[in-house]
């Protein structure tokens, strides 16, 4: 996977219906300030009645993007993904459209059973995969362990940029909607996210956080973002452009964590004290590497903020 497709580059991922007329402007001319990744959506964001128009619009978008990429390249573009409705639509896109300007597909309702079909579609393309975990099986730790092992040993492994946690779909499975008073972590999804992190992150898969749909409640958003970071999630789905800056601000690394990470990776000591805490390179090395990768993308925040600590106490 090339450097452009590092999971740390995802940041706030904005979903945009394929019906939108300004998608090319957003990608090529940076219409939305700070956007690092977007998904052109043909699934939940498009009604059945609008699907033919959405596919027509997508073809127009791709023609313009391909022309722009041939002229100026895409190094400064946000990462661009398409979310088809299902594998049949995914196959149609790959077979009939020029997806040169697209970085990958977001795979909806992804399961171990759907992997062979998706890989048959994508194996001979350049496209990376972002499977979405959003079905009933996600609540079954044994099923998730089997999926993680399958992906780990599959030929697609190097093309999986991250797995997306589909919070709203998972809440729908439980006949629930997130509360206006609490973060997603305060309900059943708290267990689910912890389980997914334990199963997939242990096997070096990156995970992204679900959307916070309460756009105007900054306190809930801040609290949830701090918990996303504390769980090691690499980015978050954004439902509105106003959330992008806040997500990227929280992904910045504190100066104290950055200093610890450098010392851990460069120290010859087995154990040492730094800023009042024990540092043990043998067990903290992977954390330190992730901190430096994050800092390279998002920078270093003032030392007054400690990663994962902001807003955790209410």
C-alpha atoms as a PDB file:
ATOM      1  CA  UNK A   1       0.000   0.000   0.000  1.00  0.00           C
ATOM      2  CA  UNK A   2       1.488   3.363  -0.973  1.00  0.00           C
ATOM      3  CA  UNK A   3       1.972   6.247   1.467  1.00  0.00           C
ATOM      4  CA  UNK A   4      -1.092   8.040   0.125  1.00  0.00           C
ATOM      5  CA  UNK A   5      -3.232   5.201   1.453  1.00  0.00           C
ATOM      6  CA  UNK A   6      -1.967   5.251   5.040  1.00  0.00           C
ATOM      7  CA  UNK A   7      -4.953   4.835   7.396  1.00  0.00           C
ATOM      8  CA  UNK A   8      -3.732   7.871   9.329  1.00  0.00           C
ATOM      9  CA  UNK A   9      -4.527  10.010   6.293  1.00  0.00           C
ATOM     10  CA  UNK A  10      -8.247   9.298   6.551  1.00  0.00           C
ATOM     11  CA  UNK A  11      -9.006  11.705   9.394  1.00  0.00           C
ATOM     12  CA  UNK A  12     -12.585  12.929   9.192  1.00  0.00           C
ATOM     13  CA  UNK A  13     -14.238  10.968   6.379  1.00  0.00           C
ATOM     14  CA  UNK A  14     -17.188  12.832   4.883  1.00  0.00           C
ATOM     15  CA  UNK A  15     -19.924  10.877   3.094  1.00  0.00           C
ATOM     16  CA  UNK A  16     -21.469  12.714   0.137  1.00  0.00           C
ATOM     17  CA  UNK A  17     -24.474  11.425  -1.856  1.00  0.00           C
ATOM     18  CA  UNK A  18     -23.561  10.693  -5.475  1.00  0.00           C
ATOM     19  CA  UNK A  19     -26.372  13.075  -6.433  1.00  0.00           C
ATOM     20  CA  UNK A  20     -24.341  16.077  -5.287  1.00  0.00           C
ATOM     21  CA  UNK A  21     -23.303  18.460  -8.074  1.00  0.00           C
ATOM     22  CA  UNK A  22     -20.253  19.880  -6.274  1.00  0.00           C
ATOM     23  CA  UNK A  23     -18.217  16.714  -5.664  1.00  0.00           C
ATOM     24  CA  UNK A  24     -15.575  17.514  -8.275  1.00  0.00           C
ATOM     25  CA  UNK A  25     -15.177  20.992  -6.802  1.00  0.00           C
ATOM     26  CA  UNK A  26     -14.779  19.483  -3.337  1.00  0.00           C
ATOM     27  CA  UNK A  27     -12.050  17.097  -4.524  1.00  0.00           C
ATOM     28  CA  UNK A  28     -10.123  19.142  -7.073  1.00  0.00           C
ATOM     29  CA  UNK A  29     -10.545  22.681  -5.741  1.00  0.00           C
ATOM     30  CA  UNK A  30     -10.666  21.923  -1.993  1.00  0.00           C
ATOM     31  CA  UNK A  31     -14.100  23.463  -1.557  1.00  0.00           C
ATOM     32  CA  UNK A  32     -14.357  21.974   1.948  1.00  0.00           C
ATOM     33  CA  UNK A  33     -11.431  23.218   3.988  1.00  0.00           C
ATOM     34  CA  UNK A  34      -9.285  20.537   5.605  1.00  0.00           C
ATOM     35  CA  UNK A  35     -11.074  17.542   4.082  1.00  0.00           C
ATOM     36  CA  UNK A  36      -8.764  14.513   3.941  1.00  0.00           C
ATOM     37  CA  UNK A  37     -11.099  11.774   2.730  1.00  0.00           C
ATOM     38  CA  UNK A  38     -14.566  11.485   1.293  1.00  0.00           C
ATOM     39  CA  UNK A  39     -16.920   8.726   0.231  1.00  0.00           C
ATOM     40  CA  UNK A  40     -19.193   9.138  -2.776  1.00  0.00           C
ATOM     41  CA  UNK A  41     -22.200   7.253  -1.501  1.00  0.00           C
ATOM     42  CA  UNK A  42     -24.581   5.164  -3.602  1.00  0.00           C
ATOM     43  CA  UNK A  43     -26.066   3.310  -0.636  1.00  0.00           C
ATOM     44  CA  UNK A  44     -27.963   4.794   2.322  1.00  0.00           C
ATOM     45  CA  UNK A  45     -27.655   8.409   1.144  1.00  0.00           C
ATOM     46  CA  UNK A  46     -29.421   7.715  -2.184  1.00  0.00           C
ATOM     47  CA  UNK A  47     -33.066   6.635  -2.459  1.00  0.00           C
ATOM     48  CA  UNK A  48     -34.103   3.883  -4.851  1.00  0.00           C
ATOM     49  CA  UNK A  49     -35.893   6.445  -7.023  1.00  0.00           C
ATOM     50  CA  UNK A  50     -32.762   8.598  -7.303  1.00  0.00           C
ATOM     51  CA  UNK A  51     -30.336   5.773  -8.044  1.00  0.00           C
ATOM     52  CA  UNK A  52     -30.358   6.073 -11.891  1.00  0.00           C
ATOM     53  CA  UNK A  53     -29.623   9.795 -11.632  1.00  0.00           C
ATOM     54  CA  UNK A  54     -26.921   9.153  -9.024  1.00  0.00           C
ATOM     55  CA  UNK A  55     -25.157   6.652 -11.294  1.00  0.00           C
ATOM     56  CA  UNK A  56     -25.390   9.067 -14.211  1.00  0.00           C
ATOM     57  CA  UNK A  57     -23.937  11.832 -12.059  1.00  0.00           C
ATOM     58  CA  UNK A  58     -21.140   9.533 -10.882  1.00  0.00           C
ATOM     59  CA  UNK A  59     -20.085   8.882 -14.473  1.00  0.00           C
ATOM     60  CA  UNK A  60     -19.852  12.626 -15.061  1.00  0.00           C
ATOM     61  CA  UNK A  61     -17.847  13.066 -11.840  1.00  0.00           C
ATOM     62  CA  UNK A  62     -15.395  10.339 -12.842  1.00  0.00           C
ATOM     63  CA  UNK A  63     -14.838  11.827 -16.299  1.00  0.00           C
ATOM     64  CA  UNK A  64     -13.953  15.184 -14.748  1.00  0.00           C
ATOM     65  CA  UNK A  65     -11.756  13.665 -12.043  1.00  0.00           C
ATOM     66  CA  UNK A  66      -9.856  11.495 -14.510  1.00  0.00           C
ATOM     67  CA  UNK A  67      -9.208  14.498 -16.751  1.00  0.00           C
ATOM     68  CA  UNK A  68      -8.029  16.578 -13.794  1.00  0.00           C
ATOM     69  CA  UNK A  69      -5.755  13.780 -12.580  1.00  0.00           C
ATOM     70  CA  UNK A  70      -4.171  13.374 -16.002  1.00  0.00           C
ATOM     71  CA  UNK A  71      -3.458  17.102 -16.094  1.00  0.00           C
ATOM     72  CA  UNK A  72      -2.281  17.783 -12.547  1.00  0.00           C
ATOM     73  CA  UNK A  73      -2.132  14.510 -10.586  1.00  0.00           C
ATOM     74  CA  UNK A  74      -3.983  13.791  -7.365  1.00  0.00           C
ATOM     75  CA  UNK A  75      -1.274  14.196  -4.731  1.00  0.00           C
ATOM     76  CA  UNK A  76      -3.089  17.090  -3.084  1.00  0.00           C
ATOM     77  CA  UNK A  77      -6.588  15.637  -3.300  1.00  0.00           C
ATOM     78  CA  UNK A  78      -8.409  14.084  -0.380  1.00  0.00           C
ATOM     79  CA  UNK A  79      -8.633  10.308  -0.549  1.00  0.00           C
ATOM     80  CA  UNK A  80     -11.621   9.370  -2.720  1.00  0.00           C
ATOM     81  CA  UNK A  81     -13.795   6.290  -2.166  1.00  0.00           C
ATOM     82  CA  UNK A  82     -17.086   5.044  -3.574  1.00  0.00           C
ATOM     83  CA  UNK A  83     -19.627   3.120  -1.517  1.00  0.00           C
ATOM     84  CA  UNK A  84     -21.772   0.903  -3.768  1.00  0.00           C
ATOM     85  CA  UNK A  85     -25.047  -0.570  -2.573  1.00  0.00           C
ATOM     86  CA  UNK A  86     -23.854  -4.168  -2.830  1.00  0.00           C
ATOM     87  CA  UNK A  87     -21.341  -6.434  -4.567  1.00  0.00           C
ATOM     88  CA  UNK A  88     -23.398  -6.535  -7.792  1.00  0.00           C
ATOM     89  CA  UNK A  89     -23.181  -2.755  -8.057  1.00  0.00           C
ATOM     90  CA  UNK A  90     -19.503  -2.897  -7.120  1.00  0.00           C
ATOM     91  CA  UNK A  91     -18.864  -5.305  -9.996  1.00  0.00           C
ATOM     92  CA  UNK A  92     -20.750  -3.036 -12.392  1.00  0.00           C
ATOM     93  CA  UNK A  93     -18.685  -0.019 -11.342  1.00  0.00           C
ATOM     94  CA  UNK A  94     -15.371  -1.829 -11.808  1.00  0.00           C
ATOM     95  CA  UNK A  95     -16.381  -3.366 -15.135  1.00  0.00           C
ATOM     96  CA  UNK A  96     -18.013  -0.335 -16.748  1.00  0.00           C
ATOM     97  CA  UNK A  97     -16.440   2.821 -15.338  1.00  0.00           C
ATOM     98  CA  UNK A  98     -12.928   4.264 -15.351  1.00  0.00           C
ATOM     99  CA  UNK A  99     -12.086   4.380 -11.637  1.00  0.00           C
ATOM    100  CA  UNK A 100      -8.507   5.604 -12.091  1.00  0.00           C
ATOM    101  CA  UNK A 101      -9.139   8.678  -9.923  1.00  0.00           C
ATOM    102  CA  UNK A 102     -10.696   6.624  -7.100  1.00  0.00           C
ATOM    103  CA  UNK A 103      -8.592   5.223  -4.253  1.00  0.00           C
ATOM    104  CA  UNK A 104     -10.930   2.450  -3.183  1.00  0.00           C
ATOM    105  CA  UNK A 105     -14.374   1.113  -2.399  1.00  0.00           C
ATOM    106  CA  UNK A 106     -16.189   1.126   0.928  1.00  0.00           C
ATOM    107  CA  UNK A 107     -17.711  -2.351   1.197  1.00  0.00           C
ATOM    108  CA  UNK A 108     -21.152  -2.253   2.865  1.00  0.00           C
ATOM    109  CA  UNK A 109     -22.486  -4.974   5.170  1.00  0.00           C
ATOM    110  CA  UNK A 110     -19.142  -6.765   5.003  1.00  0.00           C
ATOM    111  CA  UNK A 111     -18.830 -10.321   6.346  1.00  0.00           C
ATOM    112  CA  UNK A 112     -16.488 -13.271   5.918  1.00  0.00           C
ATOM    113  CA  UNK A 113     -19.021 -14.801   3.518  1.00  0.00           C
ATOM    114  CA  UNK A 114     -18.952 -11.734   1.259  1.00  0.00           C
ATOM    115  CA  UNK A 115     -15.142 -11.539   1.056  1.00  0.00           C
ATOM    116  CA  UNK A 116     -14.687 -14.021  -1.862  1.00  0.00           C
ATOM    117  CA  UNK A 117     -17.152 -12.099  -4.037  1.00  0.00           C
ATOM    118  CA  UNK A 118     -15.592  -8.724  -3.248  1.00  0.00           C
ATOM    119  CA  UNK A 119     -12.092 -10.029  -3.888  1.00  0.00           C
ATOM    120  CA  UNK A 120     -13.160 -11.506  -7.224  1.00  0.00           C
ATOM    121  CA  UNK A 121     -14.372  -8.022  -8.164  1.00  0.00           C
ATOM    122  CA  UNK A 122     -11.365  -6.058  -6.886  1.00  0.00           C
ATOM    123  CA  UNK A 123      -8.353  -8.380  -7.142  1.00  0.00           C
ATOM    124  CA  UNK A 124      -7.176  -7.173 -10.543  1.00  0.00           C
ATOM    125  CA  UNK A 125      -7.910  -3.495  -9.911  1.00  0.00           C
ATOM    126  CA  UNK A 126      -5.787  -0.866  -8.133  1.00  0.00           C
ATOM    127  CA  UNK A 127      -8.539  -0.191  -5.614  1.00  0.00           C
ATOM    128  CA  UNK A 128      -8.080  -0.570  -1.884  1.00  0.00           C
ATOM    129  CA  UNK A 129     -10.801  -1.899   0.417  1.00  0.00           C
ATOM    130  CA  UNK A 130     -12.558  -0.324   3.379  1.00  0.00           C
ATOM    131  CA  UNK A 131     -14.915  -3.008   4.699  1.00  0.00           C
ATOM    132  CA  UNK A 132     -17.750  -1.732   6.892  1.00  0.00           C
ATOM    133  CA  UNK A 133     -18.635  -3.737   9.992  1.00  0.00           C
ATOM    134  CA  UNK A 134     -22.371  -3.126  10.363  1.00  0.00           C
ATOM    135  CA  UNK A 135     -24.266  -6.440  10.463  1.00  0.00           C
ATOM    136  CA  UNK A 136     -25.600  -8.649  13.240  1.00  0.00           C
ATOM    137  CA  UNK A 137     -22.429 -10.791  13.170  1.00  0.00           C
ATOM    138  CA  UNK A 138     -20.419  -7.836  14.492  1.00  0.00           C
ATOM    139  CA  UNK A 139     -21.805  -8.453  17.994  1.00  0.00           C
ATOM    140  CA  UNK A 140     -20.438 -12.026  17.951  1.00  0.00           C
ATOM    141  CA  UNK A 141     -16.831 -12.041  19.144  1.00  0.00           C
ATOM    142  CA  UNK A 142     -16.216 -15.509  17.666  1.00  0.00           C
ATOM    143  CA  UNK A 143     -17.444 -14.357  14.251  1.00  0.00           C
ATOM    144  CA  UNK A 144     -15.243 -11.266  14.427  1.00  0.00           C
ATOM    145  CA  UNK A 145     -12.210 -13.310  15.437  1.00  0.00           C
ATOM    146  CA  UNK A 146     -12.827 -15.602  12.464  1.00  0.00           C
ATOM    147  CA  UNK A 147     -13.176 -12.592  10.152  1.00  0.00           C
ATOM    148  CA  UNK A 148      -9.977 -10.999  11.452  1.00  0.00           C
ATOM    149  CA  UNK A 149      -8.008 -14.225  10.972  1.00  0.00           C
ATOM    150  CA  UNK A 150      -9.473 -14.690   7.487  1.00  0.00           C
ATOM    151  CA  UNK A 151      -8.498 -11.149   6.458  1.00  0.00           C
ATOM    152  CA  UNK A 152      -5.070 -11.460   8.056  1.00  0.00           C
ATOM    153  CA  UNK A 153      -4.222 -14.479   5.925  1.00  0.00           C
ATOM    154  CA  UNK A 154      -5.998 -13.408   2.735  1.00  0.00           C
ATOM    155  CA  UNK A 155      -4.392 -11.990  -0.413  1.00  0.00           C
ATOM    156  CA  UNK A 156      -6.409  -8.809   0.109  1.00  0.00           C
ATOM    157  CA  UNK A 157      -4.612  -7.967   3.379  1.00  0.00           C
ATOM    158  CA  UNK A 158      -2.270  -5.343   1.899  1.00  0.00           C
ATOM    159  CA  UNK A 159      -5.213  -3.587   0.243  1.00  0.00           C
ATOM    160  CA  UNK A 160      -7.317  -3.160   3.398  1.00  0.00           C
ATOM    161  CA  UNK A 161      -6.666   0.444   4.428  1.00  0.00           C
ATOM    162  CA  UNK A 162      -9.022   0.293   7.439  1.00  0.00           C
ATOM    163  CA  UNK A 163     -12.231  -1.259   8.679  1.00  0.00           C
ATOM    164  CA  UNK A 164     -15.109   1.123   9.336  1.00  0.00           C
ATOM    165  CA  UNK A 165     -17.407   0.632  12.337  1.00  0.00           C
ATOM    166  CA  UNK A 166     -20.945   1.336  11.147  1.00  0.00           C
ATOM    167  CA  UNK A 167     -22.446   2.700  14.344  1.00  0.00           C
ATOM    168  CA  UNK A 168     -25.921   3.643  13.107  1.00  0.00           C
ATOM    169  CA  UNK A 169     -26.481   0.345  11.309  1.00  0.00           C
ATOM    170  CA  UNK A 170     -25.314  -1.581  14.360  1.00  0.00           C
ATOM    171  CA  UNK A 171     -27.644   0.411  16.601  1.00  0.00           C
ATOM    172  CA  UNK A 172     -30.447  -0.358  14.141  1.00  0.00           C
ATOM    173  CA  UNK A 173     -29.759  -4.071  14.584  1.00  0.00           C
ATOM    174  CA  UNK A 174     -30.487  -3.496  18.286  1.00  0.00           C
ATOM    175  CA  UNK A 175     -33.591  -1.374  17.557  1.00  0.00           C
ATOM    176  CA  UNK A 176     -31.854   1.573  19.205  1.00  0.00           C
ATOM    177  CA  UNK A 177     -30.876   5.123  18.384  1.00  0.00           C
ATOM    178  CA  UNK A 178     -28.025   6.853  20.156  1.00  0.00           C
ATOM    179  CA  UNK A 179     -29.029   9.074  23.076  1.00  0.00           C
ATOM    180  CA  UNK A 180     -28.764  12.851  22.896  1.00  0.00           C
ATOM    181  CA  UNK A 181     -27.296  12.875  26.413  1.00  0.00           C
ATOM    182  CA  UNK A 182     -24.563  10.240  26.065  1.00  0.00           C
ATOM    183  CA  UNK A 183     -21.754   9.209  23.763  1.00  0.00           C
ATOM    184  CA  UNK A 184     -21.904   6.057  21.693  1.00  0.00           C
ATOM    185  CA  UNK A 185     -19.597   4.459  24.259  1.00  0.00           C
ATOM    186  CA  UNK A 186     -22.195   4.776  27.044  1.00  0.00           C
ATOM    187  CA  UNK A 187     -24.484   2.149  25.483  1.00  0.00           C
ATOM    188  CA  UNK A 188     -24.053  -1.296  23.869  1.00  0.00           C
ATOM    189  CA  UNK A 189     -21.672   0.128  21.266  1.00  0.00           C
ATOM    190  CA  UNK A 190     -19.144   0.780  24.033  1.00  0.00           C
ATOM    191  CA  UNK A 191     -18.664  -2.964  24.469  1.00  0.00           C
ATOM    192  CA  UNK A 192     -18.750  -3.530  20.714  1.00  0.00           C
ATOM    193  CA  UNK A 193     -16.032  -0.994  19.926  1.00  0.00           C
ATOM    194  CA  UNK A 194     -13.811  -2.350  22.699  1.00  0.00           C
ATOM    195  CA  UNK A 195     -14.264  -5.887  21.385  1.00  0.00           C
ATOM    196  CA  UNK A 196     -13.503  -4.868  17.794  1.00  0.00           C
ATOM    197  CA  UNK A 197     -10.368  -3.018  18.886  1.00  0.00           C
ATOM    198  CA  UNK A 198      -9.206  -6.060  20.866  1.00  0.00           C
ATOM    199  CA  UNK A 199      -9.840  -8.422  17.947  1.00  0.00           C
ATOM    200  CA  UNK A 200      -8.706  -6.361  14.944  1.00  0.00           C
ATOM    201  CA  UNK A 201      -6.096  -3.934  16.296  1.00  0.00           C
ATOM    202  CA  UNK A 202      -4.219  -6.846  17.835  1.00  0.00           C
ATOM    203  CA  UNK A 203      -3.779  -8.084  14.257  1.00  0.00           C
ATOM    204  CA  UNK A 204      -2.625  -4.681  12.959  1.00  0.00           C
ATOM    205  CA  UNK A 205      -5.892  -3.642  11.322  1.00  0.00           C
ATOM    206  CA  UNK A 206      -6.852   0.018  11.591  1.00  0.00           C
ATOM    207  CA  UNK A 207     -10.402   0.876  12.669  1.00  0.00           C
ATOM    208  CA  UNK A 208     -12.369   4.093  12.177  1.00  0.00           C
ATOM    209  CA  UNK A 209     -14.975   5.489  14.551  1.00  0.00           C
ATOM    210  CA  UNK A 210     -18.707   5.871  13.852  1.00  0.00           C
ATOM    211  CA  UNK A 211     -20.297   9.220  13.144  1.00  0.00           C
ATOM    212  CA  UNK A 212     -21.510  11.495  15.923  1.00  0.00           C
ATOM    213  CA  UNK A 213     -24.876  12.540  14.545  1.00  0.00           C
ATOM    214  CA  UNK A 214     -25.520  15.297  17.109  1.00  0.00           C
ATOM    215  CA  UNK A 215     -24.016  18.095  15.044  1.00  0.00           C
ATOM    216  CA  UNK A 216     -24.692  20.994  17.412  1.00  0.00           C
ATOM    217  CA  UNK A 217     -23.713  19.361  20.717  1.00  0.00           C
ATOM    218  CA  UNK A 218     -20.014  20.174  20.972  1.00  0.00           C
ATOM    219  CA  UNK A 219     -19.635  18.690  24.461  1.00  0.00           C
ATOM    220  CA  UNK A 220     -20.855  15.251  23.367  1.00  0.00           C
ATOM    221  CA  UNK A 221     -18.659  15.458  20.276  1.00  0.00           C
ATOM    222  CA  UNK A 222     -15.556  16.366  22.296  1.00  0.00           C
ATOM    223  CA  UNK A 223     -16.229  13.616  24.821  1.00  0.00           C
ATOM    224  CA  UNK A 224     -16.750  10.997  22.107  1.00  0.00           C
ATOM    225  CA  UNK A 225     -13.656  12.066  20.168  1.00  0.00           C
ATOM    226  CA  UNK A 226     -11.520  11.718  23.286  1.00  0.00           C
ATOM    227  CA  UNK A 227     -12.834   8.181  23.700  1.00  0.00           C
ATOM    228  CA  UNK A 228     -12.182   7.416  20.014  1.00  0.00           C
ATOM    229  CA  UNK A 229      -8.550   8.426  20.516  1.00  0.00           C
ATOM    230  CA  UNK A 230      -8.285   6.473  23.781  1.00  0.00           C
ATOM    231  CA  UNK A 231      -9.424   3.354  21.902  1.00  0.00           C
ATOM    232  CA  UNK A 232      -6.805   3.850  19.163  1.00  0.00           C
ATOM    233  CA  UNK A 233      -9.244   4.548  16.324  1.00  0.00           C
ATOM    234  CA  UNK A 234      -7.539   6.218  13.370  1.00  0.00           C
ATOM    235  CA  UNK A 235     -10.330   8.477  12.102  1.00  0.00           C
ATOM    236  CA  UNK A 236     -14.042   9.181  12.314  1.00  0.00           C
ATOM    237  CA  UNK A 237     -16.953   9.393   9.922  1.00  0.00           C
ATOM    238  CA  UNK A 238     -18.160  13.001   9.655  1.00  0.00           C
ATOM    239  CA  UNK A 239     -21.813  13.793   9.025  1.00  0.00           C
ATOM    240  CA  UNK A 240     -21.232  17.523   8.411  1.00  0.00           C
ATOM    241  CA  UNK A 241     -18.251  19.663   7.287  1.00  0.00           C
ATOM    242  CA  UNK A 242     -18.379  21.535  10.603  1.00  0.00           C
ATOM    243  CA  UNK A 243     -17.104  18.385  12.349  1.00  0.00           C
ATOM    244  CA  UNK A 244     -13.946  18.067  10.257  1.00  0.00           C
ATOM    245  CA  UNK A 245     -11.790  20.622  12.057  1.00  0.00           C
ATOM    246  CA  UNK A 246     -12.708  19.271  15.506  1.00  0.00           C
ATOM    247  CA  UNK A 247     -11.891  15.685  14.498  1.00  0.00           C
ATOM    248  CA  UNK A 248      -8.506  16.703  13.116  1.00  0.00           C
ATOM    249  CA  UNK A 249      -7.764  18.843  16.166  1.00  0.00           C
ATOM    250  CA  UNK A 250      -8.306  15.823  18.416  1.00  0.00           C
ATOM    251  CA  UNK A 251      -6.061  13.690  16.210  1.00  0.00           C
ATOM    252  CA  UNK A 252      -3.152  16.003  16.951  1.00  0.00           C
ATOM    253  CA  UNK A 253      -0.619  14.479  19.338  1.00  0.00           C
ATOM    254  CA  UNK A 254       0.181  16.147  22.655  1.00  0.00           C
ATOM    255  CA  UNK A 255       3.742  17.382  23.064  1.00  0.00           C
ATOM    256  CA  UNK A 256       4.236  15.140  26.081  1.00  0.00           C
ATOM    257  CA  UNK A 257       3.121  11.992  24.246  1.00  0.00           C
ATOM    258  CA  UNK A 258       5.307  12.911  21.284  1.00  0.00           C
ATOM    259  CA  UNK A 259       8.327  13.307  23.557  1.00  0.00           C
ATOM    260  CA  UNK A 260       7.625   9.958  25.245  1.00  0.00           C
ATOM    261  CA  UNK A 261       7.250   8.237  21.884  1.00  0.00           C
ATOM    262  CA  UNK A 262      10.604   9.540  20.664  1.00  0.00           C
ATOM    263  CA  UNK A 263      12.335   8.434  23.858  1.00  0.00           C
ATOM    264  CA  UNK A 264      10.716   4.985  23.736  1.00  0.00           C
ATOM    265  CA  UNK A 265      11.802   4.368  20.156  1.00  0.00           C
ATOM    266  CA  UNK A 266      15.321   5.717  20.671  1.00  0.00           C
ATOM    267  CA  UNK A 267      16.178   4.530  24.182  1.00  0.00           C
ATOM    268  CA  UNK A 268      18.546   1.667  24.961  1.00  0.00           C
ATOM    269  CA  UNK A 269      17.087   1.366  28.479  1.00  0.00           C
ATOM    270  CA  UNK A 270      14.691  -1.469  29.293  1.00  0.00           C
ATOM    271  CA  UNK A 271      12.608   0.750  31.582  1.00  0.00           C
ATOM    272  CA  UNK A 272      12.769   4.435  32.403  1.00  0.00           C
ATOM    273  CA  UNK A 273      10.700   7.193  33.956  1.00  0.00           C
ATOM    274  CA  UNK A 274       9.413  10.042  31.805  1.00  0.00           C
ATOM    275  CA  UNK A 275       7.095  12.847  32.893  1.00  0.00           C
ATOM    276  CA  UNK A 276       5.992  10.938  35.962  1.00  0.00           C
ATOM    277  CA  UNK A 277       5.173   7.675  34.177  1.00  0.00           C
ATOM    278  CA  UNK A 278       6.984   4.442  33.445  1.00  0.00           C
ATOM    279  CA  UNK A 279       8.102   3.885  29.862  1.00  0.00           C
ATOM    280  CA  UNK A 280       8.980   0.351  28.763  1.00  0.00           C
ATOM    281  CA  UNK A 281      10.095   0.165  25.108  1.00  0.00           C
ATOM    282  CA  UNK A 282       9.409  -3.569  24.872  1.00  0.00           C
ATOM    283  CA  UNK A 283       5.689  -3.034  25.538  1.00  0.00           C
ATOM    284  CA  UNK A 284       5.202   0.580  24.427  1.00  0.00           C
ATOM    285  CA  UNK A 285       6.959   0.444  21.045  1.00  0.00           C
ATOM    286  CA  UNK A 286       3.824  -0.099  18.935  1.00  0.00           C
ATOM    287  CA  UNK A 287       2.049   2.743  20.743  1.00  0.00           C
ATOM    288  CA  UNK A 288       5.042   5.004  20.142  1.00  0.00           C
ATOM    289  CA  UNK A 289       5.155   4.193  16.431  1.00  0.00           C
ATOM    290  CA  UNK A 290       1.441   5.019  16.101  1.00  0.00           C
ATOM    291  CA  UNK A 291       1.938   8.309  17.961  1.00  0.00           C
ATOM    292  CA  UNK A 292       4.700   9.391  15.567  1.00  0.00           C
ATOM    293  CA  UNK A 293       2.644   8.363  12.522  1.00  0.00           C
ATOM    294  CA  UNK A 294      -0.272  10.439  13.829  1.00  0.00           C
ATOM    295  CA  UNK A 295       1.971  13.392  14.601  1.00  0.00           C
ATOM    296  CA  UNK A 296       3.367  13.321  11.072  1.00  0.00           C
ATOM    297  CA  UNK A 297      -0.150  13.728   9.675  1.00  0.00           C
ATOM    298  CA  UNK A 298      -1.815  16.021  12.231  1.00  0.00           C
ATOM    299  CA  UNK A 299       1.001  17.775  14.072  1.00  0.00           C
ATOM    300  CA  UNK A 300       1.661  18.369  17.752  1.00  0.00           C
ATOM    301  CA  UNK A 301      -0.835  20.076  20.048  1.00  0.00           C
ATOM    302  CA  UNK A 302       0.051  22.327  22.987  1.00  0.00           C
ATOM    303  CA  UNK A 303       1.304  20.371  25.986  1.00  0.00           C
ATOM    304  CA  UNK A 304      -1.774  21.345  27.991  1.00  0.00           C
ATOM    305  CA  UNK A 305      -3.710  18.572  26.242  1.00  0.00           C
ATOM    306  CA  UNK A 306      -3.004  14.924  26.973  1.00  0.00           C
ATOM    307  CA  UNK A 307      -4.292  12.412  24.420  1.00  0.00           C
ATOM    308  CA  UNK A 308      -7.396  10.592  25.568  1.00  0.00           C
ATOM    309  CA  UNK A 309      -7.771  12.654  28.749  1.00  0.00           C
ATOM    310  CA  UNK A 310      -9.879  15.570  27.504  1.00  0.00           C
ATOM    311  CA  UNK A 311     -13.517  15.379  28.613  1.00  0.00           C
ATOM    312  CA  UNK A 312     -13.271  11.806  29.879  1.00  0.00           C
ATOM    313  CA  UNK A 313     -14.582  12.783  33.290  1.00  0.00           C
ATOM    314  CA  UNK A 314     -18.109  14.188  33.389  1.00  0.00           C
END
